[in-house]
Structures are given as structure tokens and as C-alpha cells.
Amino acid sequence: MSKIYALWKDLDESDLVLQKEEVSGVLWIDFDKCVESVKAGSFKHCILMEELMLLKKYLDERERRCTAT
């Protein structure tokens, strides 16, 4: 199962509590680098490109709203 999230929160990575039964690993990576790495298949993942493109659409819309105000 693949789920991708956008999170804006000012906290340290060590403050996150992940359930070991549900999360096998976490990789913190720049979004654009993630897209390129998924396209190239350069790291082990279960990310669907469609999910990344939905997230990119959200991020682009969010950026437009923030710069419009």
C-alpha cells in the first residue's frame, strides 16, 4: 500500500511516533528529487506516479494561493 502525505509542521523528526506494525520505513527527500527517483526507479519504493502527480497538483495550487495573497 502506498500513501504519500504533505506535512507542514515545525517539529523534529525524532518527535514523530510511527507504528512499527504499519510503517516499514521512512525516507525524507526533496519532492522534486523524489519524483525523479521514482521515474528512474533509483530507490526501493511502493509509490505510484499518479499519487505523486496528485500531490504535485496540490502543492502547485497551494503555492499559487500563497503567492496570490
N, C-alpha and C. Protein backbone atom coordinates (compact mmCIF):
# COMPACT_ATOMS: atom_id res chain seq x y z
N MET A 1 0.85 -1.16 0.00
CA MET A 1 0.00 0.00 0.00
C MET A 1 0.90 1.23 0.00
N SER A 2 0.52 2.22 -0.75
CA SER A 2 1.31 3.44 -0.85
C SER A 2 0.45 4.63 -0.47
N LYS A 3 0.94 5.41 0.42
CA LYS A 3 0.27 6.66 0.80
C LYS A 3 1.33 7.73 0.92
N ILE A 4 1.09 8.85 0.29
CA ILE A 4 2.02 9.96 0.31
C ILE A 4 1.32 11.14 0.96
N TYR A 5 2.02 11.83 1.84
CA TYR A 5 1.42 12.94 2.57
C TYR A 5 2.29 14.19 2.45
N ALA A 6 1.64 15.34 2.49
CA ALA A 6 2.33 16.63 2.61
C ALA A 6 2.12 17.09 4.04
N LEU A 7 3.20 17.38 4.73
CA LEU A 7 3.11 17.77 6.12
C LEU A 7 3.92 19.03 6.35
N TRP A 8 3.25 20.06 6.86
CA TRP A 8 3.94 21.28 7.27
C TRP A 8 3.79 21.40 8.76
N LYS A 9 4.84 21.09 9.47
CA LYS A 9 4.81 21.16 10.93
C LYS A 9 6.23 21.38 11.41
N ASP A 10 6.38 22.31 12.31
CA ASP A 10 7.70 22.62 12.84
C ASP A 10 7.99 21.71 14.03
N LEU A 11 8.53 20.54 13.74
CA LEU A 11 8.92 19.62 14.78
C LEU A 11 10.09 18.80 14.31
N ASP A 12 10.77 18.23 15.26
CA ASP A 12 11.93 17.40 14.95
C ASP A 12 11.46 16.02 14.51
N GLU A 13 12.16 15.45 13.58
CA GLU A 13 11.82 14.11 13.07
C GLU A 13 11.72 13.10 14.21
N SER A 14 12.57 13.24 15.23
CA SER A 14 12.56 12.29 16.35
C SER A 14 11.29 12.39 17.20
N ASP A 15 10.53 13.47 17.04
CA ASP A 15 9.28 13.64 17.78
C ASP A 15 8.11 12.89 17.15
N LEU A 16 8.28 12.39 15.94
CA LEU A 16 7.22 11.62 15.28
C LEU A 16 7.17 10.22 15.88
N VAL A 17 5.97 9.73 16.10
CA VAL A 17 5.78 8.37 16.61
C VAL A 17 5.13 7.55 15.49
N LEU A 18 5.87 6.55 15.01
CA LEU A 18 5.38 5.70 13.94
C LEU A 18 5.11 4.30 14.49
N GLN A 19 4.02 3.71 14.05
CA GLN A 19 3.69 2.35 14.49
C GLN A 19 4.52 1.37 13.68
N LYS A 20 5.37 0.60 14.36
CA LYS A 20 6.26 -0.35 13.69
C LYS A 20 5.48 -1.37 12.87
N GLU A 21 4.26 -1.70 13.30
CA GLU A 21 3.45 -2.69 12.58
C GLU A 21 2.93 -2.13 11.26
N GLU A 22 2.88 -0.82 11.14
CA GLU A 22 2.28 -0.21 9.96
C GLU A 22 3.28 0.50 9.05
N VAL A 23 4.45 0.82 9.56
CA VAL A 23 5.43 1.58 8.78
C VAL A 23 6.74 0.81 8.76
N SER A 24 7.16 0.41 7.56
CA SER A 24 8.41 -0.33 7.46
C SER A 24 9.61 0.59 7.33
N GLY A 25 9.37 1.84 6.92
CA GLY A 25 10.48 2.78 6.81
C GLY A 25 10.01 4.13 6.33
N VAL A 26 10.85 5.12 6.58
CA VAL A 26 10.56 6.49 6.16
C VAL A 26 11.81 7.05 5.50
N LEU A 27 11.61 7.72 4.39
CA LEU A 27 12.71 8.37 3.69
C LEU A 27 12.32 9.83 3.49
N TRP A 28 13.08 10.74 4.09
CA TRP A 28 12.83 12.18 3.93
C TRP A 28 13.60 12.63 2.71
N ILE A 29 12.90 13.18 1.73
CA ILE A 29 13.53 13.53 0.46
C ILE A 29 12.82 14.74 -0.15
N ASP A 30 13.58 15.58 -0.82
CA ASP A 30 13.01 16.72 -1.53
C ASP A 30 12.00 16.20 -2.56
N PHE A 31 10.88 16.90 -2.69
CA PHE A 31 9.80 16.41 -3.55
C PHE A 31 10.26 16.20 -5.00
N ASP A 32 10.92 17.19 -5.59
CA ASP A 32 11.36 17.05 -6.98
C ASP A 32 12.33 15.89 -7.15
N LYS A 33 13.22 15.71 -6.18
CA LYS A 33 14.15 14.58 -6.23
C LYS A 33 13.39 13.26 -6.11
N CYS A 34 12.34 13.26 -5.29
CA CYS A 34 11.52 12.06 -5.16
C CYS A 34 10.87 11.69 -6.48
N VAL A 35 10.28 12.69 -7.16
CA VAL A 35 9.63 12.43 -8.45
C VAL A 35 10.65 11.84 -9.43
N GLU A 36 11.81 12.45 -9.53
CA GLU A 36 12.83 11.95 -10.46
C GLU A 36 13.30 10.55 -10.08
N SER A 37 13.47 10.30 -8.79
CA SER A 37 13.93 8.99 -8.34
C SER A 37 12.89 7.90 -8.60
N VAL A 38 11.61 8.24 -8.43
CA VAL A 38 10.56 7.27 -8.73
C VAL A 38 10.53 6.98 -10.23
N LYS A 39 10.63 8.03 -11.05
CA LYS A 39 10.66 7.84 -12.51
C LYS A 39 11.82 6.95 -12.91
N ALA A 40 12.99 7.17 -12.29
CA ALA A 40 14.19 6.42 -12.65
C ALA A 40 14.27 5.06 -11.97
N GLY A 41 13.42 4.86 -10.95
CA GLY A 41 13.47 3.60 -10.20
C GLY A 41 14.77 3.45 -9.43
N SER A 42 15.31 4.58 -8.93
CA SER A 42 16.63 4.55 -8.30
C SER A 42 16.61 4.25 -6.81
N PHE A 43 15.44 4.03 -6.22
CA PHE A 43 15.38 3.56 -4.84
C PHE A 43 14.15 2.68 -4.67
N LYS A 44 14.20 1.82 -3.67
CA LYS A 44 13.09 0.90 -3.41
C LYS A 44 11.90 1.70 -2.90
N HIS A 45 10.74 1.51 -3.51
CA HIS A 45 9.54 2.26 -3.12
C HIS A 45 8.29 1.51 -3.55
N CYS A 46 7.17 1.98 -3.02
CA CYS A 46 5.87 1.47 -3.45
C CYS A 46 4.97 2.65 -3.78
N ILE A 47 5.57 3.68 -4.40
CA ILE A 47 4.88 4.92 -4.72
C ILE A 47 4.35 4.86 -6.15
N LEU A 48 3.11 5.19 -6.30
CA LEU A 48 2.54 5.28 -7.64
C LEU A 48 2.78 6.69 -8.19
N MET A 49 3.18 6.80 -9.42
CA MET A 49 3.43 8.11 -10.03
C MET A 49 2.16 8.97 -10.00
N GLU A 50 1.01 8.33 -10.13
CA GLU A 50 -0.25 9.07 -10.08
C GLU A 50 -0.41 9.78 -8.74
N GLU A 51 0.02 9.13 -7.66
CA GLU A 51 -0.05 9.75 -6.34
C GLU A 51 0.85 10.97 -6.26
N LEU A 52 2.05 10.84 -6.80
CA LEU A 52 2.96 11.99 -6.81
C LEU A 52 2.40 13.14 -7.62
N MET A 53 1.77 12.85 -8.73
CA MET A 53 1.22 13.92 -9.56
C MET A 53 0.03 14.60 -8.88
N LEU A 54 -0.77 13.84 -8.12
CA LEU A 54 -1.86 14.44 -7.34
C LEU A 54 -1.28 15.37 -6.27
N LEU A 55 -0.22 14.92 -5.62
CA LEU A 55 0.43 15.75 -4.61
C LEU A 55 1.05 16.99 -5.24
N LYS A 56 1.66 16.84 -6.40
CA LYS A 56 2.25 17.98 -7.11
C LYS A 56 1.17 19.00 -7.46
N LYS A 57 0.03 18.53 -7.91
CA LYS A 57 -1.08 19.44 -8.23
C LYS A 57 -1.49 20.23 -6.98
N TYR A 58 -1.61 19.54 -5.86
CA TYR A 58 -1.95 20.20 -4.60
C TYR A 58 -0.90 21.23 -4.23
N LEU A 59 0.38 20.85 -4.31
CA LEU A 59 1.46 21.76 -3.93
C LEU A 59 1.49 22.99 -4.84
N ASP A 60 1.28 22.78 -6.13
CA ASP A 60 1.26 23.91 -7.08
C ASP A 60 0.10 24.86 -6.77
N GLU A 61 -1.08 24.30 -6.49
CA GLU A 61 -2.25 25.12 -6.15
C GLU A 61 -2.01 25.87 -4.84
N ARG A 62 -1.42 25.21 -3.88
CA ARG A 62 -1.12 25.84 -2.59
C ARG A 62 -0.15 27.00 -2.78
N GLU A 63 0.87 26.78 -3.59
CA GLU A 63 1.85 27.84 -3.84
C GLU A 63 1.19 29.04 -4.54
N ARG A 64 0.31 28.77 -5.51
CA ARG A 64 -0.40 29.85 -6.21
C ARG A 64 -1.25 30.67 -5.23
N ARG A 65 -1.95 29.96 -4.33
CA ARG A 65 -2.77 30.67 -3.33
C ARG A 65 -1.92 31.52 -2.40
N CYS A 66 -0.78 30.99 -2.00
CA CYS A 66 0.10 31.72 -1.08
C CYS A 66 0.73 32.94 -1.74
N THR A 67 1.07 32.83 -3.00
CA THR A 67 1.69 33.98 -3.68
C THR A 67 0.66 34.98 -4.15
N ALA A 68 -0.61 34.58 -4.25
CA ALA A 68 -1.67 35.49 -4.70
C ALA A 68 -2.10 36.44 -3.59
N THR A 69 -1.84 36.07 -2.35
CA THR A 69 -2.29 36.92 -1.23
C THR A 69 -1.24 37.91 -0.80
